[in-house]
Amino acid sequence: MIEDADHLGTRRQPYLRRMMESESATARFMFTARAPSRIIDALRSRTLHIRIPGVEPDRMEATLAGVAARERLEPVAGLVGDMIHVSSGNLRKALFTFELLARTGRLDDRGSVHRLVAASTLQAGRLMVEMALRGRVIEWRWQELRGRKKKVQTGALAELDKMMTEQALDADDIISQLHRVLTSGRLMLAPALQLDMLDSLARCDVRLRRSIHPRIQFERFLHETAAAGIRHGMALT
């Protein structure tokens, strides 16, 4: 069972194809993928495609209730419903959210789900875009750590790294978040600037389908955003 096989990249997938051919007599392979178009044709032609729709809310509620009973957890009233709502049919996301809240001891606070979503989605993405628009893509500053001064990276790229490592967001989640940031109206962007940034984000999304290095593509998007900020008078050259 290989989860997120679409993230293996075009270099590793041929090795997987050869493994499938050599072990086909004694083994069966199952893949999960959010973007099947990223899987090479040699693999797709050897597989049966099954599209799984989103899980129904009632089934998600029953699953989460079963987990709570087995683990002896008592979430506050309404918390399970909030997790189902923000997961949008993604059972794995709901289970991960439930586990995170349980491990951090926040099952007694219904607002914890909304704070978690705000912390891991729009807030981080909005800060990253704002920094890029002002030309602050790559910045460094000295910071005292354990009694010693160390040069650490700040700016939009540092926020991107936090999203990809600390928050463990994948490329599709970041694209979705950035699109919501650009279209939510919170940044109060001029129509021309918003159009430029949406166009740049669309090109970034296309490049991600052909790349195994998402950080490079997002870095290019941030530099394009900084250039757009200069053109529209939001950043200094």
C-alpha atoms as a PDB file:
ATOM      1  CA  MET A   1       0.000   0.000   0.000  1.00  0.00           C
ATOM      2  CA  ILE A   2       1.598   3.255  -1.152  1.00  0.00           C
ATOM      3  CA  GLU A   3      -0.045   6.477   0.002  1.00  0.00           C
ATOM      4  CA  ASP A   4       0.292   9.690  -2.020  1.00  0.00           C
ATOM      5  CA  ALA A   5       1.935   7.882  -4.926  1.00  0.00           C
ATOM      6  CA  ASP A   6       1.545  11.043  -7.017  1.00  0.00           C
ATOM      7  CA  HIS A   7       4.317  12.610  -4.913  1.00  0.00           C
ATOM      8  CA  LEU A   8       6.909   9.980  -5.817  1.00  0.00           C
ATOM      9  CA  GLY A   9       8.008  12.031  -8.817  1.00  0.00           C
ATOM     10  CA  THR A  10       9.011  11.006 -12.316  1.00  0.00           C
ATOM     11  CA  ARG A  11      12.381   9.650 -11.184  1.00  0.00           C
ATOM     12  CA  ARG A  12      11.119   7.144  -8.622  1.00  0.00           C
ATOM     13  CA  GLN A  13       8.007   5.973 -10.439  1.00  0.00           C
ATOM     14  CA  PRO A  14       9.926   4.016 -13.146  1.00  0.00           C
ATOM     15  CA  TYR A  15      11.622   2.019 -10.366  1.00  0.00           C
ATOM     16  CA  LEU A  16       8.200   1.267  -8.943  1.00  0.00           C
ATOM     17  CA  ARG A  17       7.020   0.083 -12.364  1.00  0.00           C
ATOM     18  CA  ARG A  18       9.916  -2.357 -12.621  1.00  0.00           C
ATOM     19  CA  MET A  19       9.212  -3.586  -9.097  1.00  0.00           C
ATOM     20  CA  MET A  20       5.584  -4.207 -10.025  1.00  0.00           C
ATOM     21  CA  GLU A  21       6.618  -6.195 -13.087  1.00  0.00           C
ATOM     22  CA  SER A  22       9.111  -8.352 -11.187  1.00  0.00           C
ATOM     23  CA  GLU A  23       6.788  -9.037  -8.228  1.00  0.00           C
ATOM     24  CA  SER A  24       3.436  -9.235 -10.025  1.00  0.00           C
ATOM     25  CA  ALA A  25       3.214 -13.022  -9.551  1.00  0.00           C
ATOM     26  CA  THR A  26       3.309 -12.816  -5.756  1.00  0.00           C
ATOM     27  CA  ALA A  27       2.165  -9.306  -4.822  1.00  0.00           C
ATOM     28  CA  ARG A  28      -0.465  -6.688  -5.543  1.00  0.00           C
ATOM     29  CA  PHE A  29       0.089  -2.952  -5.267  1.00  0.00           C
ATOM     30  CA  MET A  30      -2.401  -0.335  -4.142  1.00  0.00           C
ATOM     31  CA  PHE A  31      -1.842   3.402  -4.625  1.00  0.00           C
ATOM     32  CA  THR A  32      -3.607   6.448  -3.270  1.00  0.00           C
ATOM     33  CA  ALA A  33      -3.279   9.755  -5.086  1.00  0.00           C
ATOM     34  CA  ARG A  34      -4.878  13.181  -4.905  1.00  0.00           C
ATOM     35  CA  ALA A  35      -3.629  14.112  -8.387  1.00  0.00           C
ATOM     36  CA  PRO A  36      -3.607  10.958 -10.590  1.00  0.00           C
ATOM     37  CA  SER A  37      -2.325  13.016 -13.524  1.00  0.00           C
ATOM     38  CA  ARG A  38       1.083  13.113 -11.799  1.00  0.00           C
ATOM     39  CA  ILE A  39       1.434   9.338 -12.095  1.00  0.00           C
ATOM     40  CA  ILE A  40       3.324   8.272 -15.225  1.00  0.00           C
ATOM     41  CA  ASP A  41       1.442   6.522 -18.022  1.00  0.00           C
ATOM     42  CA  ALA A  42       3.435   3.302 -17.539  1.00  0.00           C
ATOM     43  CA  LEU A  43       1.905   2.949 -14.064  1.00  0.00           C
ATOM     44  CA  ARG A  44      -1.566   4.175 -14.880  1.00  0.00           C
ATOM     45  CA  SER A  45      -1.877   1.688 -17.747  1.00  0.00           C
ATOM     46  CA  ARG A  46      -1.181  -1.153 -15.309  1.00  0.00           C
ATOM     47  CA  THR A  47      -3.691  -0.130 -12.664  1.00  0.00           C
ATOM     48  CA  LEU A  48      -7.424  -0.111 -12.131  1.00  0.00           C
ATOM     49  CA  HIS A  49      -8.617   3.408 -11.306  1.00  0.00           C
ATOM     50  CA  ILE A  50     -11.117   3.752  -8.472  1.00  0.00           C
ATOM     51  CA  ARG A  51     -12.340   7.240  -7.601  1.00  0.00           C
ATOM     52  CA  ILE A  52     -13.447   7.480  -3.992  1.00  0.00           C
ATOM     53  CA  PRO A  53     -15.900  10.300  -3.226  1.00  0.00           C
ATOM     54  CA  GLY A  54     -15.869  12.301  -0.023  1.00  0.00           C
ATOM     55  CA  VAL A  55     -17.105  10.542   3.092  1.00  0.00           C
ATOM     56  CA  GLU A  56     -20.664  11.365   4.145  1.00  0.00           C
ATOM     57  CA  PRO A  57     -20.989  13.488   7.308  1.00  0.00           C
ATOM     58  CA  ASP A  58     -22.979  10.793   9.140  1.00  0.00           C
ATOM     59  CA  ARG A  59     -20.295   8.194   8.465  1.00  0.00           C
ATOM     60  CA  MET A  60     -17.534  10.584   9.546  1.00  0.00           C
ATOM     61  CA  GLU A  61     -19.413  11.333  12.758  1.00  0.00           C
ATOM     62  CA  ALA A  62     -19.811   7.616  13.496  1.00  0.00           C
ATOM     63  CA  THR A  63     -16.109   6.996  12.839  1.00  0.00           C
ATOM     64  CA  LEU A  64     -14.962   9.845  15.077  1.00  0.00           C
ATOM     65  CA  ALA A  65     -17.393   8.776  17.793  1.00  0.00           C
ATOM     66  CA  GLY A  66     -15.966   5.252  17.623  1.00  0.00           C
ATOM     67  CA  VAL A  67     -12.424   6.582  17.951  1.00  0.00           C
ATOM     68  CA  ALA A  68     -13.431   8.708  20.927  1.00  0.00           C
ATOM     69  CA  ALA A  69     -15.034   5.708  22.625  1.00  0.00           C
ATOM     70  CA  ARG A  70     -12.034   3.423  22.077  1.00  0.00           C
ATOM     71  CA  GLU A  71      -9.541   6.047  23.244  1.00  0.00           C
ATOM     72  CA  ARG A  72     -11.782   7.177  26.134  1.00  0.00           C
ATOM     73  CA  LEU A  73     -11.893  10.749  24.886  1.00  0.00           C
ATOM     74  CA  GLU A  74     -14.689  13.185  25.669  1.00  0.00           C
ATOM     75  CA  PRO A  75     -14.757  16.062  23.164  1.00  0.00           C
ATOM     76  CA  VAL A  76     -16.923  19.016  24.081  1.00  0.00           C
ATOM     77  CA  ALA A  77     -20.357  19.183  22.479  1.00  0.00           C
ATOM     78  CA  GLY A  78     -20.202  20.435  18.897  1.00  0.00           C
ATOM     79  CA  LEU A  79     -16.473  19.820  18.455  1.00  0.00           C
ATOM     80  CA  VAL A  80     -16.939  16.702  16.311  1.00  0.00           C
ATOM     81  CA  GLY A  81     -19.349  18.563  14.055  1.00  0.00           C
ATOM     82  CA  ASP A  82     -16.839  21.381  13.626  1.00  0.00           C
ATOM     83  CA  MET A  83     -14.113  18.911  12.643  1.00  0.00           C
ATOM     84  CA  ILE A  84     -16.425  17.319  10.089  1.00  0.00           C
ATOM     85  CA  HIS A  85     -17.267  20.720   8.642  1.00  0.00           C
ATOM     86  CA  VAL A  86     -13.665  21.870   8.157  1.00  0.00           C
ATOM     87  CA  SER A  87     -12.620  18.464   6.749  1.00  0.00           C
ATOM     88  CA  SER A  88     -15.055  18.692   3.798  1.00  0.00           C
ATOM     89  CA  GLY A  89     -15.444  14.944   3.406  1.00  0.00           C
ATOM     90  CA  ASN A  90     -11.763  14.134   3.976  1.00  0.00           C
ATOM     91  CA  LEU A  91     -11.838  11.475   6.706  1.00  0.00           C
ATOM     92  CA  ARG A  92      -8.069  11.392   7.067  1.00  0.00           C
ATOM     93  CA  LYS A  93      -7.979  15.135   7.699  1.00  0.00           C
ATOM     94  CA  ALA A  94     -10.712  14.785  10.322  1.00  0.00           C
ATOM     95  CA  LEU A  95      -8.811  11.992  12.092  1.00  0.00           C
ATOM     96  CA  PHE A  96      -5.556  13.949  12.047  1.00  0.00           C
ATOM     97  CA  THR A  97      -7.338  17.011  13.426  1.00  0.00           C
ATOM     98  CA  PHE A  98      -8.925  14.899  16.159  1.00  0.00           C
ATOM     99  CA  GLU A  99      -5.558  13.377  17.089  1.00  0.00           C
ATOM    100  CA  LEU A 100      -3.856  16.771  17.182  1.00  0.00           C
ATOM    101  CA  LEU A 101      -6.495  18.281  19.456  1.00  0.00           C
ATOM    102  CA  ALA A 102      -6.395  15.222  21.718  1.00  0.00           C
ATOM    103  CA  ARG A 103      -2.607  15.251  22.040  1.00  0.00           C
ATOM    104  CA  THR A 104      -2.572  18.968  22.834  1.00  0.00           C
ATOM    105  CA  GLY A 105      -5.388  18.692  25.371  1.00  0.00           C
ATOM    106  CA  ARG A 106      -7.815  20.981  23.562  1.00  0.00           C
ATOM    107  CA  LEU A 107     -10.853  18.723  23.240  1.00  0.00           C
ATOM    108  CA  ASP A 108     -12.682  20.762  25.900  1.00  0.00           C
ATOM    109  CA  ASP A 109     -12.600  23.967  23.844  1.00  0.00           C
ATOM    110  CA  ARG A 110     -14.873  24.139  20.815  1.00  0.00           C
ATOM    111  CA  GLY A 111     -13.040  27.164  19.474  1.00  0.00           C
ATOM    112  CA  SER A 112      -9.826  25.154  19.177  1.00  0.00           C
ATOM    113  CA  VAL A 113     -10.829  23.820  15.740  1.00  0.00           C
ATOM    114  CA  HIS A 114     -11.321  27.287  14.319  1.00  0.00           C
ATOM    115  CA  ARG A 115      -8.080  28.553  15.858  1.00  0.00           C
ATOM    116  CA  LEU A 116      -6.247  25.553  14.436  1.00  0.00           C
ATOM    117  CA  VAL A 117      -7.623  26.212  10.966  1.00  0.00           C
ATOM    118  CA  ALA A 118      -6.757  29.898  11.203  1.00  0.00           C
ATOM    119  CA  ALA A 119      -3.238  29.138  12.396  1.00  0.00           C
ATOM    120  CA  SER A 120      -2.516  26.554   9.727  1.00  0.00           C
ATOM    121  CA  THR A 121      -4.231  28.075   6.723  1.00  0.00           C
ATOM    122  CA  LEU A 122      -5.170  31.642   5.917  1.00  0.00           C
ATOM    123  CA  GLN A 123      -3.148  33.388   8.607  1.00  0.00           C
ATOM    124  CA  ALA A 124       0.166  31.867   7.516  1.00  0.00           C
ATOM    125  CA  GLY A 125      -0.609  32.284   3.827  1.00  0.00           C
ATOM    126  CA  ARG A 126      -1.714  35.885   4.248  1.00  0.00           C
ATOM    127  CA  LEU A 127       1.473  36.792   6.117  1.00  0.00           C
ATOM    128  CA  MET A 128       3.597  35.139   3.430  1.00  0.00           C
ATOM    129  CA  VAL A 129       1.833  37.009   0.617  1.00  0.00           C
ATOM    130  CA  GLU A 130       2.037  40.339   2.456  1.00  0.00           C
ATOM    131  CA  MET A 131       5.794  39.934   2.933  1.00  0.00           C
ATOM    132  CA  ALA A 132       6.305  39.012  -0.717  1.00  0.00           C
ATOM    133  CA  LEU A 133       4.277  42.004  -1.924  1.00  0.00           C
ATOM    134  CA  ARG A 134       6.601  44.286   0.039  1.00  0.00           C
ATOM    135  CA  GLY A 135       9.663  42.667  -1.474  1.00  0.00           C
ATOM    136  CA  ARG A 136      10.558  40.743   1.679  1.00  0.00           C
ATOM    137  CA  VAL A 137      11.009  37.344   0.040  1.00  0.00           C
ATOM    138  CA  ILE A 138      14.458  36.516   1.443  1.00  0.00           C
ATOM    139  CA  GLU A 139      15.624  38.194   4.642  1.00  0.00           C
ATOM    140  CA  TRP A 140      18.109  37.333   7.361  1.00  0.00           C
ATOM    141  CA  ARG A 141      18.512  38.585  10.918  1.00  0.00           C
ATOM    142  CA  TRP A 142      20.593  37.749  13.945  1.00  0.00           C
ATOM    143  CA  GLN A 143      18.781  35.961  16.745  1.00  0.00           C
ATOM    144  CA  GLU A 144      20.077  34.853  20.129  1.00  0.00           C
ATOM    145  CA  LEU A 145      19.651  31.114  20.657  1.00  0.00           C
ATOM    146  CA  ARG A 146      20.975  29.404  23.783  1.00  0.00           C
ATOM    147  CA  GLY A 147      23.260  32.288  24.583  1.00  0.00           C
ATOM    148  CA  ARG A 148      24.737  32.504  21.087  1.00  0.00           C
ATOM    149  CA  LYS A 149      23.804  34.696  18.177  1.00  0.00           C
ATOM    150  CA  LYS A 150      22.719  32.845  15.077  1.00  0.00           C
ATOM    151  CA  LYS A 151      21.738  34.109  11.650  1.00  0.00           C
ATOM    152  CA  VAL A 152      18.219  32.924  10.834  1.00  0.00           C
ATOM    153  CA  GLN A 153      16.105  33.358   7.750  1.00  0.00           C
ATOM    154  CA  THR A 154      12.977  35.486   7.890  1.00  0.00           C
ATOM    155  CA  GLY A 155      10.651  36.862   5.255  1.00  0.00           C
ATOM    156  CA  ALA A 156       8.199  35.119   2.943  1.00  0.00           C
ATOM    157  CA  LEU A 157      10.437  32.111   2.289  1.00  0.00           C
ATOM    158  CA  ALA A 158      10.756  31.448   6.006  1.00  0.00           C
ATOM    159  CA  GLU A 159       6.959  31.440   6.305  1.00  0.00           C
ATOM    160  CA  LEU A 160       6.771  29.005   3.381  1.00  0.00           C
ATOM    161  CA  ASP A 161       9.216  26.667   5.108  1.00  0.00           C
ATOM    162  CA  LYS A 162       7.127  26.763   8.285  1.00  0.00           C
ATOM    163  CA  MET A 163       4.017  25.831   6.332  1.00  0.00           C
ATOM    164  CA  MET A 164       5.752  22.905   4.619  1.00  0.00           C
ATOM    165  CA  THR A 165       7.617  21.564   7.666  1.00  0.00           C
ATOM    166  CA  GLU A 166       6.004  22.613  10.946  1.00  0.00           C
ATOM    167  CA  GLN A 167       2.426  22.526   9.628  1.00  0.00           C
ATOM    168  CA  ALA A 168       3.124  19.678   7.145  1.00  0.00           C
ATOM    169  CA  LEU A 169       0.999  21.228   4.395  1.00  0.00           C
ATOM    170  CA  ASP A 170       1.422  19.661   0.968  1.00  0.00           C
ATOM    171  CA  ALA A 171       1.561  21.584  -2.299  1.00  0.00           C
ATOM    172  CA  ASP A 172      -2.172  21.273  -3.011  1.00  0.00           C
ATOM    173  CA  ASP A 173      -3.059  22.597   0.447  1.00  0.00           C
ATOM    174  CA  ILE A 174      -0.770  25.603  -0.005  1.00  0.00           C
ATOM    175  CA  ILE A 175      -2.194  26.362  -3.462  1.00  0.00           C
ATOM    176  CA  SER A 176      -5.726  26.189  -2.076  1.00  0.00           C
ATOM    177  CA  GLN A 177      -4.767  28.397   0.854  1.00  0.00           C
ATOM    178  CA  LEU A 178      -3.104  31.020  -1.336  1.00  0.00           C
ATOM    179  CA  HIS A 179      -6.122  31.107  -3.639  1.00  0.00           C
ATOM    180  CA  ARG A 180      -8.404  31.710  -0.667  1.00  0.00           C
ATOM    181  CA  VAL A 181      -6.083  34.460   0.575  1.00  0.00           C
ATOM    182  CA  LEU A 182      -6.112  36.210  -2.800  1.00  0.00           C
ATOM    183  CA  THR A 183      -9.877  35.953  -3.284  1.00  0.00           C
ATOM    184  CA  SER A 184     -11.086  36.533   0.283  1.00  0.00           C
ATOM    185  CA  GLY A 185     -10.744  40.304   0.042  1.00  0.00           C
ATOM    186  CA  ARG A 186      -8.806  40.596   3.310  1.00  0.00           C
ATOM    187  CA  LEU A 187      -5.704  41.926   1.553  1.00  0.00           C
ATOM    188  CA  MET A 188      -7.759  44.624  -0.225  1.00  0.00           C
ATOM    189  CA  LEU A 189      -5.774  44.204  -3.447  1.00  0.00           C
ATOM    190  CA  ALA A 190      -6.299  46.398  -6.474  1.00  0.00           C
ATOM    191  CA  PRO A 191      -8.099  44.459  -9.247  1.00  0.00           C
ATOM    192  CA  ALA A 192      -5.090  44.634 -11.582  1.00  0.00           C
ATOM    193  CA  LEU A 193      -2.714  43.380  -8.879  1.00  0.00           C
ATOM    194  CA  GLN A 194      -5.107  40.623  -7.870  1.00  0.00           C
ATOM    195  CA  LEU A 195      -5.352  39.488 -11.498  1.00  0.00           C
ATOM    196  CA  ASP A 196      -1.556  39.389 -11.834  1.00  0.00           C
ATOM    197  CA  MET A 197      -1.191  37.327  -8.676  1.00  0.00           C
ATOM    198  CA  LEU A 198      -3.959  34.878  -9.577  1.00  0.00           C
ATOM    199  CA  ASP A 199      -2.363  34.391 -12.980  1.00  0.00           C
ATOM    200  CA  SER A 200       0.998  33.753 -11.331  1.00  0.00           C
ATOM    201  CA  LEU A 201      -0.595  31.296  -8.895  1.00  0.00           C
ATOM    202  CA  ALA A 202      -2.254  29.424 -11.760  1.00  0.00           C
ATOM    203  CA  ARG A 203       1.087  29.060 -13.540  1.00  0.00           C
ATOM    204  CA  CYS A 204       2.642  27.847 -10.284  1.00  0.00           C
ATOM    205  CA  ASP A 205      -0.073  25.204  -9.950  1.00  0.00           C
ATOM    206  CA  VAL A 206       0.607  23.967 -13.487  1.00  0.00           C
ATOM    207  CA  ARG A 207       4.352  23.744 -12.828  1.00  0.00           C
ATOM    208  CA  LEU A 208       3.750  21.771  -9.645  1.00  0.00           C
ATOM    209  CA  ARG A 209       2.094  19.007 -11.684  1.00  0.00           C
ATOM    210  CA  ARG A 210       5.370  18.448 -13.514  1.00  0.00           C
ATOM    211  CA  SER A 211       7.796  18.984 -10.643  1.00  0.00           C
ATOM    212  CA  ILE A 212       9.035  16.942  -7.686  1.00  0.00           C
ATOM    213  CA  HIS A 213      10.382  20.045  -5.923  1.00  0.00           C
ATOM    214  CA  PRO A 214       7.367  22.129  -4.827  1.00  0.00           C
ATOM    215  CA  ARG A 215       9.448  24.586  -2.795  1.00  0.00           C
ATOM    216  CA  ILE A 216      11.240  25.781  -5.936  1.00  0.00           C
ATOM    217  CA  GLN A 217       7.932  26.495  -7.663  1.00  0.00           C
ATOM    218  CA  PHE A 218       6.542  28.365  -4.664  1.00  0.00           C
ATOM    219  CA  GLU A 219       9.759  30.366  -4.390  1.00  0.00           C
ATOM    220  CA  ARG A 220       9.301  31.436  -8.006  1.00  0.00           C
ATOM    221  CA  PHE A 221       5.708  32.448  -7.224  1.00  0.00           C
ATOM    222  CA  LEU A 222       6.898  34.589  -4.312  1.00  0.00           C
ATOM    223  CA  HIS A 223       9.465  36.363  -6.485  1.00  0.00           C
ATOM    224  CA  GLU A 224       6.783  36.986  -9.128  1.00  0.00           C
ATOM    225  CA  THR A 225       4.565  38.384  -6.366  1.00  0.00           C
ATOM    226  CA  ALA A 226       7.372  40.704  -5.255  1.00  0.00           C
ATOM    227  CA  ALA A 227       7.791  41.901  -8.852  1.00  0.00           C
ATOM    228  CA  ALA A 228       4.046  42.544  -9.048  1.00  0.00           C
ATOM    229  CA  GLY A 229       4.250  44.504  -5.800  1.00  0.00           C
ATOM    230  CA  ILE A 230       6.958  46.707  -7.314  1.00  0.00           C
ATOM    231  CA  ARG A 231       4.930  47.304 -10.482  1.00  0.00           C
ATOM    232  CA  HIS A 232       1.894  48.330  -8.457  1.00  0.00           C
ATOM    233  CA  GLY A 233       3.792  50.492  -5.983  1.00  0.00           C
ATOM    234  CA  MET A 234       3.587  48.228  -2.923  1.00  0.00           C
ATOM    235  CA  ALA A 235       7.313  47.459  -2.616  1.00  0.00           C
ATOM    236  CA  LEU A 236      10.516  49.421  -2.877  1.00  0.00           C
ATOM    237  CA  THR A 237      13.097  48.484  -5.486  1.00  0.00           C
END
